[in-house]
């Protein structure tokens, strides 16, 4: 819901950083892989109860996630890069609830499972629409620079990062954050199914 606002605010700084990386001949795919590695390190820190370190690493990872797309647009955007980016993004997002479950299985196992199930719903509705939109040649007017049709919703990347930050800052309340965000994800699934039904009707 707030991704477009966040992108508008961050775009000037990210674009300047991307131009610097382009001058250094850094490839967008390398930034994608580095960001994913940092994100996995953040998940590992959460498993070890180093929640502050985990938060810093996951935010750094998302900075890299913004940089790779900006760098690709400056240099050469490829389908391979878009595929790698979106695939690793979803793995990263799933790794954080899993990390909290591993950090405290008794307290966090069930809420993490509920949140991951909700993530499956948001991811599948997002990707299914993107595939069919591509077949029809549909383009997003809200996110025209994305590698695939980016169907928005109530819970996008910005909201997910806020939720993860709350989990890291108040880990004892993980169940509250997980169940609450899962409920918001259900609303996103419902609105995406309705939007997809309308947009893809004969």
Protein backbone atom coordinates (compact mmCIF):
# COMPACT_ATOMS: atom_id res chain seq x y z
CA UNK A 1 0.00 0.00 0.00
CA UNK A 2 2.88 2.38 0.80
CA UNK A 3 5.44 1.02 -1.69
CA UNK A 4 4.85 3.77 -4.23
CA UNK A 5 5.36 6.49 -1.60
CA UNK A 6 8.49 4.79 -0.26
CA UNK A 7 9.89 4.39 -3.78
CA UNK A 8 9.32 8.06 -4.58
CA UNK A 9 11.13 9.11 -1.39
CA UNK A 10 14.08 6.76 -1.83
CA UNK A 11 14.50 6.95 -5.61
CA UNK A 12 16.89 9.97 -5.78
CA UNK A 13 19.37 8.50 -3.30
CA UNK A 14 19.18 4.99 -4.74
CA UNK A 15 19.65 6.34 -8.26
CA UNK A 16 22.81 8.19 -7.22
CA UNK A 17 24.20 5.03 -5.59
CA UNK A 18 23.29 2.99 -8.67
CA UNK A 19 25.17 5.39 -10.95
CA UNK A 20 28.22 4.99 -8.73
CA UNK A 21 27.98 1.21 -8.97
CA UNK A 22 27.58 1.44 -12.74
CA UNK A 23 30.77 3.51 -12.99
CA UNK A 24 32.53 0.82 -10.95
CA UNK A 25 31.23 -1.78 -13.44
CA UNK A 26 29.25 -3.66 -10.79
CA UNK A 27 26.56 -5.88 -12.29
CA UNK A 28 22.95 -5.81 -11.11
CA UNK A 29 22.88 -9.59 -10.59
CA UNK A 30 25.85 -9.32 -8.22
CA UNK A 31 23.97 -6.74 -6.16
CA UNK A 32 20.94 -9.05 -6.07
CA UNK A 33 23.05 -11.96 -4.81
CA UNK A 34 24.85 -9.80 -2.25
CA UNK A 35 21.55 -8.47 -0.92
CA UNK A 36 20.18 -11.99 -0.61
CA UNK A 37 23.29 -13.15 1.26
CA UNK A 38 22.97 -10.22 3.68
CA UNK A 39 19.30 -11.06 4.20
CA UNK A 40 20.14 -14.67 5.00
CA UNK A 41 22.76 -13.46 7.47
CA UNK A 42 20.03 -11.35 9.08
CA UNK A 43 17.80 -14.41 9.39
CA UNK A 44 20.67 -16.33 10.97
CA UNK A 45 21.20 -13.51 13.47
CA UNK A 46 17.53 -13.71 14.47
CA UNK A 47 17.84 -17.46 15.05
CA UNK A 48 20.72 -16.65 17.43
CA UNK A 49 18.57 -14.03 19.25
CA UNK A 50 20.72 -11.16 17.92
CA UNK A 51 17.59 -9.27 16.94
CA UNK A 52 19.20 -5.84 16.57
CA UNK A 53 21.86 -7.22 14.25
CA UNK A 54 19.17 -9.10 12.35
CA UNK A 55 17.17 -5.91 11.85
CA UNK A 56 20.20 -3.98 10.59
CA UNK A 57 21.08 -6.75 8.15
CA UNK A 58 17.59 -7.22 6.78
CA UNK A 59 17.21 -3.47 6.19
CA UNK A 60 20.59 -3.43 4.44
CA UNK A 61 19.44 -6.35 2.34
CA UNK A 62 16.36 -4.41 1.22
CA UNK A 63 18.56 -1.44 0.29
CA UNK A 64 20.47 -3.76 -2.03
CA UNK A 65 17.13 -4.99 -3.38
CA UNK A 66 16.29 -1.45 -4.41
CA UNK A 67 19.74 -0.87 -5.84
CA UNK A 68 19.76 -3.88 -8.17
CA UNK A 69 16.69 -2.72 -10.08
CA UNK A 70 17.97 0.85 -10.38
CA UNK A 71 21.34 -0.43 -11.57
CA UNK A 72 19.69 -2.75 -14.11
CA UNK A 73 17.72 0.14 -15.59
CA UNK A 74 20.91 2.23 -15.90
CA UNK A 75 22.85 -0.60 -17.53
CA UNK A 76 20.91 -3.49 -19.10
CA UNK A 77 17.75 -4.97 -17.60
CA UNK A 78 17.33 -8.69 -18.34
CA UNK A 79 14.64 -11.31 -17.83
CA UNK A 80 17.24 -13.39 -16.01
CA UNK A 81 17.83 -10.59 -13.54
CA UNK A 82 14.12 -10.05 -12.96
CA UNK A 83 13.65 -13.78 -12.37
CA UNK A 84 16.56 -13.94 -9.93
CA UNK A 85 15.39 -10.84 -8.07
CA UNK A 86 11.78 -11.90 -7.52
CA UNK A 87 12.71 -15.50 -6.63
CA UNK A 88 15.27 -14.50 -4.01
CA UNK A 89 12.92 -11.83 -2.64
CA UNK A 90 10.26 -14.41 -1.80
CA UNK A 91 12.84 -16.72 -0.24
CA UNK A 92 14.08 -13.84 1.91
CA UNK A 93 10.58 -12.88 3.08
CA UNK A 94 9.86 -16.49 4.07
CA UNK A 95 13.16 -16.79 5.93
CA UNK A 96 12.31 -14.18 8.59
CA UNK A 97 9.22 -15.87 10.12
CA UNK A 98 11.10 -19.17 9.90
CA UNK A 99 14.03 -17.62 11.76
CA UNK A 100 11.75 -16.50 14.60
CA UNK A 101 10.23 -19.99 14.73
CA UNK A 102 13.70 -21.51 15.04
CA UNK A 103 14.66 -18.95 17.68
CA UNK A 104 11.77 -20.06 19.92
CA UNK A 105 9.85 -23.03 18.48
CA UNK A 106 7.44 -23.39 21.40
CA UNK A 107 6.26 -19.78 21.38
CA UNK A 108 6.72 -18.85 17.73
CA UNK A 109 6.16 -22.05 15.76
CA UNK A 110 2.39 -21.78 15.22
CA UNK A 111 2.20 -18.02 14.51
CA UNK A 112 5.14 -18.35 12.12
CA UNK A 113 3.35 -21.17 10.29
CA UNK A 114 0.18 -19.07 10.02
CA UNK A 115 2.16 -16.11 8.66
CA UNK A 116 4.03 -18.29 6.16
CA UNK A 117 0.72 -19.74 4.93
CA UNK A 118 -0.53 -16.18 4.43
CA UNK A 119 2.69 -15.37 2.54
CA UNK A 120 1.99 -18.30 0.21
CA UNK A 121 -1.39 -16.79 -0.56
CA UNK A 122 -0.06 -13.31 -1.27
CA UNK A 123 2.85 -14.67 -3.33
CA UNK A 124 0.73 -17.06 -5.41
CA UNK A 125 -1.92 -14.44 -6.20
CA UNK A 126 0.82 -11.94 -7.09
CA UNK A 127 2.75 -14.30 -9.37
CA UNK A 128 -0.29 -15.94 -10.98
CA UNK A 129 -1.60 -12.54 -12.05
CA UNK A 130 1.84 -11.49 -13.32
CA UNK A 131 2.06 -14.57 -15.56
CA UNK A 132 -1.39 -14.08 -17.08
CA UNK A 133 -0.92 -10.33 -17.39
CA UNK A 134 2.25 -10.96 -19.39
CA UNK A 135 0.36 -13.31 -21.71
CA UNK A 136 -2.18 -10.57 -22.37
CA UNK A 137 0.45 -7.87 -22.74
CA UNK A 138 -0.84 -5.89 -19.76
CA UNK A 139 1.43 -3.26 -18.24
CA UNK A 140 1.26 -1.73 -14.77
CA UNK A 141 0.75 2.03 -14.85
CA UNK A 142 1.53 2.29 -11.12
CA UNK A 143 4.86 0.39 -11.24
CA UNK A 144 6.00 0.68 -14.89
CA UNK A 145 9.66 -0.02 -14.10
CA UNK A 146 9.09 -3.43 -12.52
CA UNK A 147 10.31 -6.52 -14.38
CA UNK A 148 6.86 -8.13 -14.08
CA UNK A 149 3.32 -6.81 -13.62
CA UNK A 150 3.39 -5.62 -10.00
CA UNK A 151 -0.12 -6.08 -8.57
CA UNK A 152 -0.26 -4.04 -5.38
CA UNK A 153 -2.21 -4.68 -2.22
CA UNK A 154 -2.59 -3.85 1.44
CA UNK A 155 0.59 -5.74 2.39
CA UNK A 156 3.48 -4.91 0.08
CA UNK A 157 7.22 -4.77 0.71
CA UNK A 158 7.10 -1.62 2.85
CA UNK A 159 4.45 -2.98 5.20
CA UNK A 160 6.26 -6.31 5.44
CA UNK A 161 9.51 -4.60 6.42
CA UNK A 162 7.70 -2.56 9.08
CA UNK A 163 6.28 -5.81 10.46
CA UNK A 164 9.72 -7.44 10.48
CA UNK A 165 11.16 -4.40 12.24
CA UNK A 166 8.48 -4.63 14.95
CA UNK A 167 9.30 -8.31 15.38
CA UNK A 168 12.99 -7.54 15.84
CA UNK A 169 12.38 -4.61 18.20
CA UNK A 170 9.83 -6.49 20.35
CA UNK A 171 10.54 -10.20 19.72
CA UNK A 172 8.53 -11.29 22.77
CA UNK A 173 5.43 -10.02 20.92
CA UNK A 174 6.18 -12.03 17.77
CA UNK A 175 2.86 -13.89 17.88
CA UNK A 176 0.92 -10.62 17.96
CA UNK A 177 2.79 -9.21 14.97
CA UNK A 178 2.56 -12.49 13.04
CA UNK A 179 -1.17 -13.05 13.54
CA UNK A 180 -1.97 -9.38 12.89
CA UNK A 181 0.05 -9.25 9.68
CA UNK A 182 -1.39 -12.59 8.53
CA UNK A 183 -4.86 -11.06 8.86
CA UNK A 184 -3.78 -8.11 6.70
CA UNK A 185 -2.35 -10.58 4.18
CA UNK A 186 -5.74 -12.28 3.97
CA UNK A 187 -7.27 -8.94 3.01
CA UNK A 188 -4.57 -8.52 0.35
CA UNK A 189 -5.32 -11.99 -1.04
CA UNK A 190 -9.03 -11.18 -1.23
CA UNK A 191 -8.49 -7.86 -3.01
CA UNK A 192 -5.98 -9.38 -5.44
CA UNK A 193 -8.32 -12.24 -6.29
CA UNK A 194 -11.10 -9.74 -6.96
CA UNK A 195 -8.83 -7.48 -9.02
CA UNK A 196 -7.49 -10.43 -10.99
CA UNK A 197 -10.99 -11.76 -11.60
CA UNK A 198 -12.05 -8.38 -12.96
CA UNK A 199 -8.91 -7.67 -15.01
CA UNK A 200 -8.70 -11.14 -16.61
CA UNK A 201 -12.38 -11.63 -17.35
CA UNK A 202 -13.14 -12.32 -21.05
